[in-house]
């Protein structure tokens, strides 16, 4: 398993980012495609539109959002593709657009992927 990290898509791309994957369902506002320096856009690993709209970055709903999104991830086939990418790259950076660095879906996704590797070491 490679190293997985998260970063805002608006931050400058760096060589230490490794494989850069946008994990938002919507394209980031004001971002030109060439400025993102993406290797892949996995919009299907993002929360569903319904969940995203329900949460609406309301930190009061954070714990419930984490539970609901984790439930979605357990049933999401796109997670398998992300696990393959992590397995085949030394460094993977999950990119997100949210302003809040402490309450965003990329944190939940990172935790979920790390747990998947802990529970199933055979994934490596």
PDB file of N, CA and C in Angstrom:
ATOM      1  N   UNK A   1       0.847  -1.190   0.000  1.00  0.00           N
ATOM      2  CA  UNK A   1       0.000   0.000   0.000  1.00  0.00           C
ATOM      3  C   UNK A   1       0.878   1.233   0.000  1.00  0.00           C
ATOM      4  N   UNK A   2       0.493   2.191  -0.827  1.00  0.00           N
ATOM      5  CA  UNK A   2       1.213   3.455  -0.860  1.00  0.00           C
ATOM      6  C   UNK A   2       0.733   4.387   0.236  1.00  0.00           C
ATOM      7  N   UNK A   3       1.268   5.574   0.230  1.00  0.00           N
ATOM      8  CA  UNK A   3       0.863   6.620   1.160  1.00  0.00           C
ATOM      9  C   UNK A   3      -0.324   7.360   0.568  1.00  0.00           C
ATOM     10  N   UNK A   4      -1.330   7.613   1.393  1.00  0.00           N
ATOM     11  CA  UNK A   4      -2.506   8.373   0.949  1.00  0.00           C
ATOM     12  C   UNK A   4      -2.548   9.653   1.766  1.00  0.00           C
ATOM     13  N   UNK A   5      -2.761  10.756   1.077  1.00  0.00           N
ATOM     14  CA  UNK A   5      -2.896  12.048   1.757  1.00  0.00           C
ATOM     15  C   UNK A   5      -4.044  12.814   1.122  1.00  0.00           C
ATOM     16  N   UNK A   6      -4.463  13.881   1.788  1.00  0.00           N
ATOM     17  CA  UNK A   6      -5.515  14.725   1.213  1.00  0.00           C
ATOM     18  C   UNK A   6      -5.019  16.153   1.134  1.00  0.00           C
ATOM     19  N   UNK A   7      -5.645  16.896   0.206  1.00  0.00           N
ATOM     20  CA  UNK A   7      -5.204  18.263  -0.049  1.00  0.00           C
ATOM     21  C   UNK A   7      -6.326  18.999  -0.780  1.00  0.00           C
ATOM     22  N   UNK A   8      -6.421  20.296  -0.538  1.00  0.00           N
ATOM     23  CA  UNK A   8      -7.392  21.084  -1.315  1.00  0.00           C
ATOM     24  C   UNK A   8      -6.933  21.180  -2.760  1.00  0.00           C
ATOM     25  N   UNK A   9      -7.852  21.048  -3.666  1.00  0.00           N
ATOM     26  CA  UNK A   9      -7.533  21.092  -5.093  1.00  0.00           C
ATOM     27  C   UNK A   9      -7.000  22.474  -5.491  1.00  0.00           C
ATOM     28  N   UNK A  10      -7.331  23.503  -4.714  1.00  0.00           N
ATOM     29  CA  UNK A  10      -6.888  24.864  -5.015  1.00  0.00           C
ATOM     30  C   UNK A  10      -5.432  25.114  -4.597  1.00  0.00           C
ATOM     31  N   UNK A  11      -4.867  24.236  -3.770  1.00  0.00           N
ATOM     32  CA  UNK A  11      -3.465  24.371  -3.374  1.00  0.00           C
ATOM     33  C   UNK A  11      -2.575  23.976  -4.551  1.00  0.00           C
ATOM     34  N   UNK A  12      -1.376  24.533  -4.575  1.00  0.00           N
ATOM     35  CA  UNK A  12      -0.455  24.252  -5.674  1.00  0.00           C
ATOM     36  C   UNK A  12      -0.106  22.767  -5.750  1.00  0.00           C
ATOM     37  N   UNK A  13      -0.045  22.269  -6.963  1.00  0.00           N
ATOM     38  CA  UNK A  13       0.387  20.886  -7.180  1.00  0.00           C
ATOM     39  C   UNK A  13       1.885  20.804  -6.916  1.00  0.00           C
ATOM     40  N   UNK A  14       2.285  19.682  -6.287  1.00  0.00           N
ATOM     41  CA  UNK A  14       3.697  19.473  -5.981  1.00  0.00           C
ATOM     42  C   UNK A  14       4.090  18.066  -6.418  1.00  0.00           C
ATOM     43  N   UNK A  15       5.376  17.865  -6.665  1.00  0.00           N
ATOM     44  CA  UNK A  15       5.855  16.543  -7.054  1.00  0.00           C
ATOM     45  C   UNK A  15       5.578  15.521  -5.965  1.00  0.00           C
ATOM     46  N   UNK A  16       5.554  15.971  -4.705  1.00  0.00           N
ATOM     47  CA  UNK A  16       5.318  15.068  -3.576  1.00  0.00           C
ATOM     48  C   UNK A  16       3.866  14.620  -3.480  1.00  0.00           C
ATOM     49  N   UNK A  17       2.999  15.135  -4.368  1.00  0.00           N
ATOM     50  CA  UNK A  17       1.589  14.727  -4.373  1.00  0.00           C
ATOM     51  C   UNK A  17       1.402  13.329  -4.955  1.00  0.00           C
ATOM     52  N   UNK A  18       2.337  12.878  -5.754  1.00  0.00           N
ATOM     53  CA  UNK A  18       2.159  11.585  -6.412  1.00  0.00           C
ATOM     54  C   UNK A  18       0.976  11.637  -7.360  1.00  0.00           C
ATOM     55  N   UNK A  19       0.171  10.595  -7.346  1.00  0.00           N
ATOM     56  CA  UNK A  19      -1.020  10.511  -8.209  1.00  0.00           C
ATOM     57  C   UNK A  19      -2.106  11.389  -7.600  1.00  0.00           C
ATOM     58  N   UNK A  20      -2.581  12.366  -8.361  1.00  0.00           N
ATOM     59  CA  UNK A  20      -3.577  13.343  -7.877  1.00  0.00           C
ATOM     60  C   UNK A  20      -4.967  12.949  -8.363  1.00  0.00           C
ATOM     61  N   UNK A  21      -5.878  12.715  -7.393  1.00  0.00           N
ATOM     62  CA  UNK A  21      -7.222  12.258  -7.721  1.00  0.00           C
ATOM     63  C   UNK A  21      -8.247  13.194  -7.090  1.00  0.00           C
ATOM     64  N   UNK A  22      -9.071  13.803  -7.928  1.00  0.00           N
ATOM     65  CA  UNK A  22     -10.175  14.622  -7.432  1.00  0.00           C
ATOM     66  C   UNK A  22     -11.296  13.689  -6.993  1.00  0.00           C
ATOM     67  N   UNK A  23     -11.766  13.863  -5.748  1.00  0.00           N
ATOM     68  CA  UNK A  23     -12.790  12.979  -5.200  1.00  0.00           C
ATOM     69  C   UNK A  23     -14.090  13.731  -4.911  1.00  0.00           C
ATOM     70  N   UNK A  24     -14.315  14.827  -5.606  1.00  0.00           N
ATOM     71  CA  UNK A  24     -15.569  15.584  -5.505  1.00  0.00           C
ATOM     72  C   UNK A  24     -16.503  15.187  -6.639  1.00  0.00           C
ATOM     73  N   UNK A  25     -17.790  15.232  -6.373  1.00  0.00           N
ATOM     74  CA  UNK A  25     -18.783  14.916  -7.401  1.00  0.00           C
ATOM     75  C   UNK A  25     -18.917  16.066  -8.400  1.00  0.00           C
ATOM     76  N   UNK A  26     -18.750  17.294  -7.912  1.00  0.00           N
ATOM     77  CA  UNK A  26     -18.863  18.482  -8.757  1.00  0.00           C
ATOM     78  C   UNK A  26     -17.481  19.056  -9.035  1.00  0.00           C
ATOM     79  N   UNK A  27     -17.326  19.644 -10.234  1.00  0.00           N
ATOM     80  CA  UNK A  27     -16.056  20.280 -10.557  1.00  0.00           C
ATOM     81  C   UNK A  27     -15.882  21.511  -9.667  1.00  0.00           C
ATOM     82  N   UNK A  28     -14.676  21.739  -9.124  1.00  0.00           N
ATOM     83  CA  UNK A  28     -14.434  22.878  -8.230  1.00  0.00           C
ATOM     84  C   UNK A  28     -14.662  24.227  -8.914  1.00  0.00           C
ATOM     85  N   UNK A  29     -15.355  25.106  -8.224  1.00  0.00           N
ATOM     86  CA  UNK A  29     -15.667  26.439  -8.768  1.00  0.00           C
ATOM     87  C   UNK A  29     -14.404  27.203  -9.115  1.00  0.00           C
ATOM     88  N   UNK A  30     -14.422  27.793 -10.312  1.00  0.00           N
ATOM     89  CA  UNK A  30     -13.328  28.662 -10.733  1.00  0.00           C
ATOM     90  C   UNK A  30     -12.037  27.947 -11.103  1.00  0.00           C
ATOM     91  N   UNK A  31     -12.027  26.646 -11.052  1.00  0.00           N
ATOM     92  CA  UNK A  31     -10.811  25.881 -11.331  1.00  0.00           C
ATOM     93  C   UNK A  31     -10.793  25.468 -12.801  1.00  0.00           C
ATOM     94  N   UNK A  32      -9.724  25.829 -13.495  1.00  0.00           N
ATOM     95  CA  UNK A  32      -9.553  25.380 -14.868  1.00  0.00           C
ATOM     96  C   UNK A  32      -8.979  23.969 -14.839  1.00  0.00           C
ATOM     97  N   UNK A  33      -9.409  23.148 -15.779  1.00  0.00           N
ATOM     98  CA  UNK A  33      -8.972  21.746 -15.789  1.00  0.00           C
ATOM     99  C   UNK A  33      -7.447  21.623 -15.796  1.00  0.00           C
ATOM    100  N   UNK A  34      -6.777  22.449 -16.591  1.00  0.00           N
ATOM    101  CA  UNK A  34      -5.319  22.342 -16.660  1.00  0.00           C
ATOM    102  C   UNK A  34      -4.643  22.812 -15.365  1.00  0.00           C
ATOM    103  N   UNK A  35      -5.300  23.669 -14.608  1.00  0.00           N
ATOM    104  CA  UNK A  35      -4.735  24.150 -13.335  1.00  0.00           C
ATOM    105  C   UNK A  35      -4.806  23.102 -12.232  1.00  0.00           C
ATOM    106  N   UNK A  36      -5.706  22.147 -12.370  1.00  0.00           N
ATOM    107  CA  UNK A  36      -5.896  21.136 -11.326  1.00  0.00           C
ATOM    108  C   UNK A  36      -4.793  20.081 -11.325  1.00  0.00           C
ATOM    109  N   UNK A  37      -4.134  19.890 -12.459  1.00  0.00           N
ATOM    110  CA  UNK A  37      -3.075  18.884 -12.573  1.00  0.00           C
ATOM    111  C   UNK A  37      -3.532  17.520 -12.054  1.00  0.00           C
ATOM    112  N   UNK A  38      -4.701  17.096 -12.534  1.00  0.00           N
ATOM    113  CA  UNK A  38      -5.280  15.828 -12.098  1.00  0.00           C
ATOM    114  C   UNK A  38      -4.741  14.655 -12.904  1.00  0.00           C
ATOM    115  N   UNK A  39      -4.666  13.535 -12.221  1.00  0.00           N
ATOM    116  CA  UNK A  39      -4.408  12.282 -12.922  1.00  0.00           C
ATOM    117  C   UNK A  39      -5.721  11.550 -13.152  1.00  0.00           C
ATOM    118  N   UNK A  40      -6.689  11.828 -12.273  1.00  0.00           N
ATOM    119  CA  UNK A  40      -7.976  11.140 -12.365  1.00  0.00           C
ATOM    120  C   UNK A  40      -9.034  11.936 -11.603  1.00  0.00           C
ATOM    121  N   UNK A  41     -10.280  11.786 -12.044  1.00  0.00           N
ATOM    122  CA  UNK A  41     -11.423  12.376 -11.344  1.00  0.00           C
ATOM    123  C   UNK A  41     -12.374  11.228 -11.017  1.00  0.00           C
ATOM    124  N   UNK A  42     -12.413  10.842  -9.739  1.00  0.00           N
ATOM    125  CA  UNK A  42     -13.287   9.757  -9.290  1.00  0.00           C
ATOM    126  C   UNK A  42     -14.512  10.348  -8.592  1.00  0.00           C
ATOM    127  N   UNK A  43     -15.398  10.918  -9.358  1.00  0.00           N
ATOM    128  CA  UNK A  43     -16.565  11.565  -8.761  1.00  0.00           C
ATOM    129  C   UNK A  43     -17.504  10.582  -8.074  1.00  0.00           C
ATOM    130  N   UNK A  44     -17.457   9.313  -8.478  1.00  0.00           N
ATOM    131  CA  UNK A  44     -18.369   8.329  -7.897  1.00  0.00           C
ATOM    132  C   UNK A  44     -18.016   7.906  -6.476  1.00  0.00           C
ATOM    133  N   UNK A  45     -16.818   8.280  -5.973  1.00  0.00           N
ATOM    134  CA  UNK A  45     -16.503   7.975  -4.567  1.00  0.00           C
ATOM    135  C   UNK A  45     -16.967   9.097  -3.638  1.00  0.00           C
ATOM    136  N   UNK A  46     -17.404  10.196  -4.207  1.00  0.00           N
ATOM    137  CA  UNK A  46     -17.901  11.321  -3.407  1.00  0.00           C
ATOM    138  C   UNK A  46     -19.271  10.974  -2.820  1.00  0.00           C
ATOM    139  N   UNK A  47     -19.683  11.719  -1.794  1.00  0.00           N
ATOM    140  CA  UNK A  47     -21.034  11.492  -1.255  1.00  0.00           C
ATOM    141  C   UNK A  47     -22.085  11.703  -2.345  1.00  0.00           C
ATOM    142  N   UNK A  48     -23.202  11.008  -2.207  1.00  0.00           N
ATOM    143  CA  UNK A  48     -24.290  11.205  -3.167  1.00  0.00           C
ATOM    144  C   UNK A  48     -24.759  12.656  -3.110  1.00  0.00           C
ATOM    145  N   UNK A  49     -25.402  13.078  -4.166  1.00  0.00           N
ATOM    146  CA  UNK A  49     -25.920  14.448  -4.216  1.00  0.00           C
ATOM    147  C   UNK A  49     -26.860  14.713  -3.047  1.00  0.00           C
ATOM    148  N   UNK A  50     -27.698  13.738  -2.731  1.00  0.00           N
ATOM    149  CA  UNK A  50     -28.651  13.896  -1.622  1.00  0.00           C
ATOM    150  C   UNK A  50     -27.917  14.115  -0.301  1.00  0.00           C
ATOM    151  N   UNK A  51     -26.883  13.319  -0.049  1.00  0.00           N
ATOM    152  CA  UNK A  51     -26.139  13.451   1.203  1.00  0.00           C
ATOM    153  C   UNK A  51     -25.369  14.768   1.239  1.00  0.00           C
ATOM    154  N   UNK A  52     -24.772  15.137   0.136  1.00  0.00           N
ATOM    155  CA  UNK A  52     -24.027  16.398   0.067  1.00  0.00           C
ATOM    156  C   UNK A  52     -24.937  17.579   0.358  1.00  0.00           C
ATOM    157  N   UNK A  53     -26.112  17.588  -0.253  1.00  0.00           N
ATOM    158  CA  UNK A  53     -27.058  18.687  -0.025  1.00  0.00           C
ATOM    159  C   UNK A  53     -27.583  18.685   1.412  1.00  0.00           C
ATOM    160  N   UNK A  54     -27.822  17.505   1.974  1.00  0.00           N
ATOM    161  CA  UNK A  54     -28.293  17.412   3.358  1.00  0.00           C
ATOM    162  C   UNK A  54     -27.253  17.985   4.320  1.00  0.00           C
ATOM    163  N   UNK A  55     -25.997  17.608   4.135  1.00  0.00           N
ATOM    164  CA  UNK A  55     -24.920  18.052   5.029  1.00  0.00           C
ATOM    165  C   UNK A  55     -24.665  19.548   4.868  1.00  0.00           C
ATOM    166  N   UNK A  56     -24.515  20.012   3.663  1.00  0.00           N
ATOM    167  CA  UNK A  56     -24.321  21.422   3.328  1.00  0.00           C
ATOM    168  C   UNK A  56     -23.273  22.086   4.227  1.00  0.00           C
ATOM    169  N   UNK A  57     -22.229  21.356   4.558  1.00  0.00           N
ATOM    170  CA  UNK A  57     -21.112  21.841   5.378  1.00  0.00           C
ATOM    171  C   UNK A  57     -21.545  22.385   6.734  1.00  0.00           C
ATOM    172  N   UNK A  58     -22.607  21.806   7.281  1.00  0.00           N
ATOM    173  CA  UNK A  58     -23.100  22.183   8.611  1.00  0.00           C
ATOM    174  C   UNK A  58     -22.381  21.312   9.637  1.00  0.00           C
ATOM    175  N   UNK A  59     -21.451  21.901  10.385  1.00  0.00           N
ATOM    176  CA  UNK A  59     -20.640  21.126  11.322  1.00  0.00           C
ATOM    177  C   UNK A  59     -21.486  20.490  12.427  1.00  0.00           C
ATOM    178  N   UNK A  60     -22.690  20.998  12.655  1.00  0.00           N
ATOM    179  CA  UNK A  60     -23.597  20.386  13.636  1.00  0.00           C
ATOM    180  C   UNK A  60     -24.015  18.979  13.175  1.00  0.00           C
ATOM    181  N   UNK A  61     -23.971  18.757  11.870  1.00  0.00           N
ATOM    182  CA  UNK A  61     -24.371  17.472  11.299  1.00  0.00           C
ATOM    183  C   UNK A  61     -23.175  16.556  11.024  1.00  0.00           C
ATOM    184  N   UNK A  62     -21.981  16.950  11.439  1.00  0.00           N
ATOM    185  CA  UNK A  62     -20.762  16.239  11.062  1.00  0.00           C
ATOM    186  C   UNK A  62     -20.788  14.758  11.422  1.00  0.00           C
ATOM    187  N   UNK A  63     -21.067  14.429  12.668  1.00  0.00           N
ATOM    188  CA  UNK A  63     -21.029  13.019  13.084  1.00  0.00           C
ATOM    189  C   UNK A  63     -22.026  12.166  12.292  1.00  0.00           C
ATOM    190  N   UNK A  64     -23.206  12.693  12.062  1.00  0.00           N
ATOM    191  CA  UNK A  64     -24.210  11.966  11.277  1.00  0.00           C
ATOM    192  C   UNK A  64     -23.765  11.849   9.819  1.00  0.00           C
ATOM    193  N   UNK A  65     -23.138  12.907   9.297  1.00  0.00           N
ATOM    194  CA  UNK A  65     -22.615  12.861   7.940  1.00  0.00           C
ATOM    195  C   UNK A  65     -21.566  11.752   7.810  1.00  0.00           C
ATOM    196  N   UNK A  66     -20.652  11.671   8.775  1.00  0.00           N
ATOM    197  CA  UNK A  66     -19.609  10.646   8.752  1.00  0.00           C
ATOM    198  C   UNK A  66     -20.250   9.256   8.710  1.00  0.00           C
ATOM    199  N   UNK A  67     -21.247   9.040   9.554  1.00  0.00           N
ATOM    200  CA  UNK A  67     -21.920   7.736   9.596  1.00  0.00           C
ATOM    201  C   UNK A  67     -22.612   7.429   8.267  1.00  0.00           C
ATOM    202  N   UNK A  68     -23.334   8.395   7.724  1.00  0.00           N
ATOM    203  CA  UNK A  68     -24.064   8.166   6.472  1.00  0.00           C
ATOM    204  C   UNK A  68     -23.117   7.955   5.287  1.00  0.00           C
ATOM    205  N   UNK A  69     -22.057   8.763   5.221  1.00  0.00           N
ATOM    206  CA  UNK A  69     -21.114   8.638   4.112  1.00  0.00           C
ATOM    207  C   UNK A  69     -20.356   7.311   4.209  1.00  0.00           C
ATOM    208  N   UNK A  70     -19.970   6.926   5.407  1.00  0.00           N
ATOM    209  CA  UNK A  70     -19.297   5.637   5.592  1.00  0.00           C
ATOM    210  C   UNK A  70     -20.199   4.498   5.126  1.00  0.00           C
ATOM    211  N   UNK A  71     -21.470   4.587   5.433  1.00  0.00           N
ATOM    212  CA  UNK A  71     -22.438   3.583   4.980  1.00  0.00           C
ATOM    213  C   UNK A  71     -22.484   3.549   3.442  1.00  0.00           C
ATOM    214  N   UNK A  72     -22.492   4.728   2.816  1.00  0.00           N
ATOM    215  CA  UNK A  72     -22.479   4.777   1.353  1.00  0.00           C
ATOM    216  C   UNK A  72     -21.213   4.127   0.790  1.00  0.00           C
ATOM    217  N   UNK A  73     -20.077   4.418   1.411  1.00  0.00           N
ATOM    218  CA  UNK A  73     -18.806   3.884   0.914  1.00  0.00           C
ATOM    219  C   UNK A  73     -18.759   2.363   0.966  1.00  0.00           C
ATOM    220  N   UNK A  74     -19.381   1.779   1.991  1.00  0.00           N
ATOM    221  CA  UNK A  74     -19.383   0.319   2.126  1.00  0.00           C
ATOM    222  C   UNK A  74     -20.098  -0.356   0.961  1.00  0.00           C
ATOM    223  N   UNK A  75     -20.981   0.370   0.288  1.00  0.00           N
ATOM    224  CA  UNK A  75     -21.750  -0.188  -0.817  1.00  0.00           C
ATOM    225  C   UNK A  75     -21.313   0.358  -2.180  1.00  0.00           C
ATOM    226  N   UNK A  76     -20.224   1.121  -2.196  1.00  0.00           N
ATOM    227  CA  UNK A  76     -19.819   1.843  -3.389  1.00  0.00           C
ATOM    228  C   UNK A  76     -18.729   1.088  -4.153  1.00  0.00           C
ATOM    229  N   UNK A  77     -19.035   0.685  -5.374  1.00  0.00           N
ATOM    230  CA  UNK A  77     -18.088  -0.057  -6.214  1.00  0.00           C
ATOM    231  C   UNK A  77     -16.889   0.803  -6.630  1.00  0.00           C
ATOM    232  N   UNK A  78     -17.047   2.128  -6.656  1.00  0.00           N
ATOM    233  CA  UNK A  78     -15.942   3.008  -7.045  1.00  0.00           C
ATOM    234  C   UNK A  78     -14.802   2.957  -6.034  1.00  0.00           C
ATOM    235  N   UNK A  79     -15.084   2.529  -4.811  1.00  0.00           N
ATOM    236  CA  UNK A  79     -14.039   2.382  -3.800  1.00  0.00           C
ATOM    237  C   UNK A  79     -13.004   1.353  -4.259  1.00  0.00           C
ATOM    238  N   UNK A  80     -13.445   0.303  -4.933  1.00  0.00           N
ATOM    239  CA  UNK A  80     -12.525  -0.719  -5.436  1.00  0.00           C
ATOM    240  C   UNK A  80     -11.502  -0.111  -6.395  1.00  0.00           C
ATOM    241  N   UNK A  81     -11.942   0.791  -7.238  1.00  0.00           N
ATOM    242  CA  UNK A  81     -11.030   1.448  -8.175  1.00  0.00           C
ATOM    243  C   UNK A  81     -10.003   2.288  -7.412  1.00  0.00           C
ATOM    244  N   UNK A  82     -10.465   2.984  -6.382  1.00  0.00           N
ATOM    245  CA  UNK A  82      -9.550   3.787  -5.581  1.00  0.00           C
ATOM    246  C   UNK A  82      -8.533   2.895  -4.867  1.00  0.00           C
ATOM    247  N   UNK A  83      -8.968   1.780  -4.349  1.00  0.00           N
ATOM    248  CA  UNK A  83      -8.056   0.845  -3.687  1.00  0.00           C
ATOM    249  C   UNK A  83      -7.009   0.330  -4.685  1.00  0.00           C
ATOM    250  N   UNK A  84      -7.416   0.044  -5.905  1.00  0.00           N
ATOM    251  CA  UNK A  84      -6.464  -0.376  -6.937  1.00  0.00           C
ATOM    252  C   UNK A  84      -5.427   0.717  -7.203  1.00  0.00           C
ATOM    253  N   UNK A  85      -5.875   1.949  -7.275  1.00  0.00           N
ATOM    254  CA  UNK A  85      -4.960   3.073  -7.516  1.00  0.00           C
ATOM    255  C   UNK A  85      -3.958   3.182  -6.374  1.00  0.00           C
ATOM    256  N   UNK A  86      -4.448   3.080  -5.144  1.00  0.00           N
ATOM    257  CA  UNK A  86      -3.561   3.161  -3.974  1.00  0.00           C
ATOM    258  C   UNK A  86      -2.557   2.015  -3.995  1.00  0.00           C
ATOM    259  N   UNK A  87      -3.005   0.834  -4.369  1.00  0.00           N
ATOM    260  CA  UNK A  87      -2.114  -0.326  -4.429  1.00  0.00           C
ATOM    261  C   UNK A  87      -1.021  -0.181  -5.482  1.00  0.00           C
ATOM    262  N   UNK A  88      -1.302   0.566  -6.527  1.00  0.00           N
ATOM    263  CA  UNK A  88      -0.380   0.654  -7.657  1.00  0.00           C
ATOM    264  C   UNK A  88       0.414   1.949  -7.721  1.00  0.00           C
ATOM    265  N   UNK A  89       0.361   2.748  -6.670  1.00  0.00           N
ATOM    266  CA  UNK A  89       1.087   4.017  -6.649  1.00  0.00           C
ATOM    267  C   UNK A  89       1.721   4.227  -5.288  1.00  0.00           C
ATOM    268  N   UNK A  90       2.911   4.789  -5.294  1.00  0.00           N
ATOM    269  CA  UNK A  90       3.637   5.021  -4.054  1.00  0.00           C
ATOM    270  C   UNK A  90       2.948   6.087  -3.202  1.00  0.00           C
ATOM    271  N   UNK A  91       2.491   7.156  -3.857  1.00  0.00           N
ATOM    272  CA  UNK A  91       1.816   8.257  -3.158  1.00  0.00           C
ATOM    273  C   UNK A  91       0.562   8.614  -3.928  1.00  0.00           C
ATOM    274  N   UNK A  92      -0.547   8.757  -3.200  1.00  0.00           N
ATOM    275  CA  UNK A  92      -1.817   9.168  -3.786  1.00  0.00           C
ATOM    276  C   UNK A  92      -2.333  10.348  -2.971  1.00  0.00           C
ATOM    277  N   UNK A  93      -2.718  11.411  -3.663  1.00  0.00           N
ATOM    278  CA  UNK A  93      -3.298  12.575  -3.000  1.00  0.00           C
ATOM    279  C   UNK A  93      -4.751  12.699  -3.432  1.00  0.00           C
ATOM    280  N   UNK A  94      -5.651  12.639  -2.453  1.00  0.00           N
ATOM    281  CA  UNK A  94      -7.077  12.829  -2.689  1.00  0.00           C
ATOM    282  C   UNK A  94      -7.359  14.320  -2.608  1.00  0.00           C
ATOM    283  N   UNK A  95      -7.897  14.861  -3.676  1.00  0.00           N
ATOM    284  CA  UNK A  95      -8.149  16.305  -3.750  1.00  0.00           C
ATOM    285  C   UNK A  95      -9.623  16.612  -3.527  1.00  0.00           C
ATOM    286  N   UNK A  96      -9.879  17.673  -2.765  1.00  0.00           N
ATOM    287  CA  UNK A  96     -11.243  18.108  -2.476  1.00  0.00           C
ATOM    288  C   UNK A  96     -11.303  19.627  -2.571  1.00  0.00           C
ATOM    289  N   UNK A  97     -12.496  20.180  -2.715  1.00  0.00           N
ATOM    290  CA  UNK A  97     -12.646  21.619  -2.883  1.00  0.00           C
ATOM    291  C   UNK A  97     -13.154  22.345  -1.631  1.00  0.00           C
ATOM    292  N   UNK A  98     -13.704  21.635  -0.676  1.00  0.00           N
ATOM    293  CA  UNK A  98     -14.315  22.270   0.497  1.00  0.00           C
ATOM    294  C   UNK A  98     -13.331  23.193   1.214  1.00  0.00           C
ATOM    295  N   UNK A  99     -13.861  24.262   1.798  1.00  0.00           N
ATOM    296  CA  UNK A  99     -13.034  25.210   2.548  1.00  0.00           C
ATOM    297  C   UNK A  99     -12.612  24.654   3.901  1.00  0.00           C
ATOM    298  N   UNK A 100     -13.472  23.879   4.522  1.00  0.00           N
ATOM    299  CA  UNK A 100     -13.246  23.384   5.875  1.00  0.00           C
ATOM    300  C   UNK A 100     -12.325  22.164   5.850  1.00  0.00           C
ATOM    301  N   UNK A 101     -11.114  22.331   6.351  1.00  0.00           N
ATOM    302  CA  UNK A 101     -10.127  21.243   6.329  1.00  0.00           C
ATOM    303  C   UNK A 101     -10.397  20.188   7.398  1.00  0.00           C
ATOM    304  N   UNK A 102     -11.289  20.477   8.344  1.00  0.00           N
ATOM    305  CA  UNK A 102     -11.566  19.543   9.435  1.00  0.00           C
ATOM    306  C   UNK A 102     -12.895  18.806   9.291  1.00  0.00           C
ATOM    307  N   UNK A 103     -13.746  19.279   8.385  1.00  0.00           N
ATOM    308  CA  UNK A 103     -15.072  18.677   8.204  1.00  0.00           C
ATOM    309  C   UNK A 103     -15.373  18.551   6.714  1.00  0.00           C
ATOM    310  N   UNK A 104     -14.755  17.569   6.075  1.00  0.00           N
ATOM    311  CA  UNK A 104     -15.022  17.360   4.652  1.00  0.00           C
ATOM    312  C   UNK A 104     -14.981  15.869   4.339  1.00  0.00           C
ATOM    313  N   UNK A 105     -15.602  15.507   3.253  1.00  0.00           N
ATOM    314  CA  UNK A 105     -15.741  14.091   2.905  1.00  0.00           C
ATOM    315  C   UNK A 105     -14.403  13.409   2.611  1.00  0.00           C
ATOM    316  N   UNK A 106     -13.402  14.153   2.172  1.00  0.00           N
ATOM    317  CA  UNK A 106     -12.100  13.543   1.882  1.00  0.00           C
ATOM    318  C   UNK A 106     -11.480  12.947   3.143  1.00  0.00           C
ATOM    319  N   UNK A 107     -11.708  13.576   4.286  1.00  0.00           N
ATOM    320  CA  UNK A 107     -11.221  13.022   5.561  1.00  0.00           C
ATOM    321  C   UNK A 107     -11.880  11.674   5.855  1.00  0.00           C
ATOM    322  N   UNK A 108     -13.180  11.603   5.617  1.00  0.00           N
ATOM    323  CA  UNK A 108     -13.929  10.368   5.853  1.00  0.00           C
ATOM    324  C   UNK A 108     -13.447   9.290   4.879  1.00  0.00           C
ATOM    325  N   UNK A 109     -13.264   9.665   3.634  1.00  0.00           N
ATOM    326  CA  UNK A 109     -12.795   8.730   2.616  1.00  0.00           C
ATOM    327  C   UNK A 109     -11.394   8.217   2.957  1.00  0.00           C
ATOM    328  N   UNK A 110     -10.513   9.097   3.379  1.00  0.00           N
ATOM    329  CA  UNK A 110      -9.164   8.701   3.771  1.00  0.00           C
ATOM    330  C   UNK A 110      -9.210   7.690   4.917  1.00  0.00           C
ATOM    331  N   UNK A 111     -10.004   7.971   5.930  1.00  0.00           N
ATOM    332  CA  UNK A 111     -10.143   7.065   7.073  1.00  0.00           C
ATOM    333  C   UNK A 111     -10.706   5.715   6.616  1.00  0.00           C
ATOM    334  N   UNK A 112     -11.708   5.756   5.740  1.00  0.00           N
ATOM    335  CA  UNK A 112     -12.335   4.532   5.242  1.00  0.00           C
ATOM    336  C   UNK A 112     -11.329   3.659   4.489  1.00  0.00           C
ATOM    337  N   UNK A 113     -10.542   4.269   3.611  1.00  0.00           N
ATOM    338  CA  UNK A 113      -9.558   3.518   2.824  1.00  0.00           C
ATOM    339  C   UNK A 113      -8.468   2.952   3.740  1.00  0.00           C
ATOM    340  N   UNK A 114      -7.997   3.754   4.675  1.00  0.00           N
ATOM    341  CA  UNK A 114      -6.981   3.258   5.615  1.00  0.00           C
ATOM    342  C   UNK A 114      -7.514   2.087   6.425  1.00  0.00           C
ATOM    343  N   UNK A 115      -8.756   2.159   6.869  1.00  0.00           N
ATOM    344  CA  UNK A 115      -9.371   1.056   7.622  1.00  0.00           C
ATOM    345  C   UNK A 115      -9.507  -0.194   6.755  1.00  0.00           C
ATOM    346  N   UNK A 116      -9.851  -0.006   5.493  1.00  0.00           N
ATOM    347  CA  UNK A 116      -9.992  -1.153   4.579  1.00  0.00           C
ATOM    348  C   UNK A 116      -8.673  -1.917   4.484  1.00  0.00           C
ATOM    349  N   UNK A 117      -7.561  -1.198   4.430  1.00  0.00           N
ATOM    350  CA  UNK A 117      -6.259  -1.856   4.349  1.00  0.00           C
ATOM    351  C   UNK A 117      -5.890  -2.523   5.670  1.00  0.00           C
ATOM    352  N   UNK A 118      -6.281  -1.935   6.786  1.00  0.00           N
ATOM    353  CA  UNK A 118      -6.004  -2.549   8.097  1.00  0.00           C
ATOM    354  C   UNK A 118      -6.813  -3.828   8.277  1.00  0.00           C
ATOM    355  N   UNK A 119      -8.083  -3.786   7.872  1.00  0.00           N
ATOM    356  CA  UNK A 119      -8.948  -4.948   8.043  1.00  0.00           C
ATOM    357  C   UNK A 119      -8.655  -6.059   7.036  1.00  0.00           C
ATOM    358  N   UNK A 120      -8.132  -5.675   5.886  1.00  0.00           N
ATOM    359  CA  UNK A 120      -7.850  -6.639   4.812  1.00  0.00           C
ATOM    360  C   UNK A 120      -6.431  -6.448   4.293  1.00  0.00           C
ATOM    361  N   UNK A 121      -5.432  -6.871   5.060  1.00  0.00           N
ATOM    362  CA  UNK A 121      -4.042  -6.672   4.628  1.00  0.00           C
ATOM    363  C   UNK A 121      -3.737  -7.324   3.288  1.00  0.00           C
ATOM    364  N   UNK A 122      -4.575  -8.266   2.865  1.00  0.00           N
ATOM    365  CA  UNK A 122      -4.393  -8.926   1.571  1.00  0.00           C
ATOM    366  C   UNK A 122      -4.654  -7.983   0.405  1.00  0.00           C
ATOM    367  N   UNK A 123      -5.212  -6.807   0.657  1.00  0.00           N
ATOM    368  CA  UNK A 123      -5.432  -5.837  -0.413  1.00  0.00           C
ATOM    369  C   UNK A 123      -4.121  -5.310  -0.964  1.00  0.00           C
ATOM    370  N   UNK A 124      -3.079  -5.342  -0.143  1.00  0.00           N
ATOM    371  CA  UNK A 124      -1.784  -4.809  -0.587  1.00  0.00           C
ATOM    372  C   UNK A 124      -1.134  -5.718  -1.596  1.00  0.00           C
TER     373      UNK A 124
END
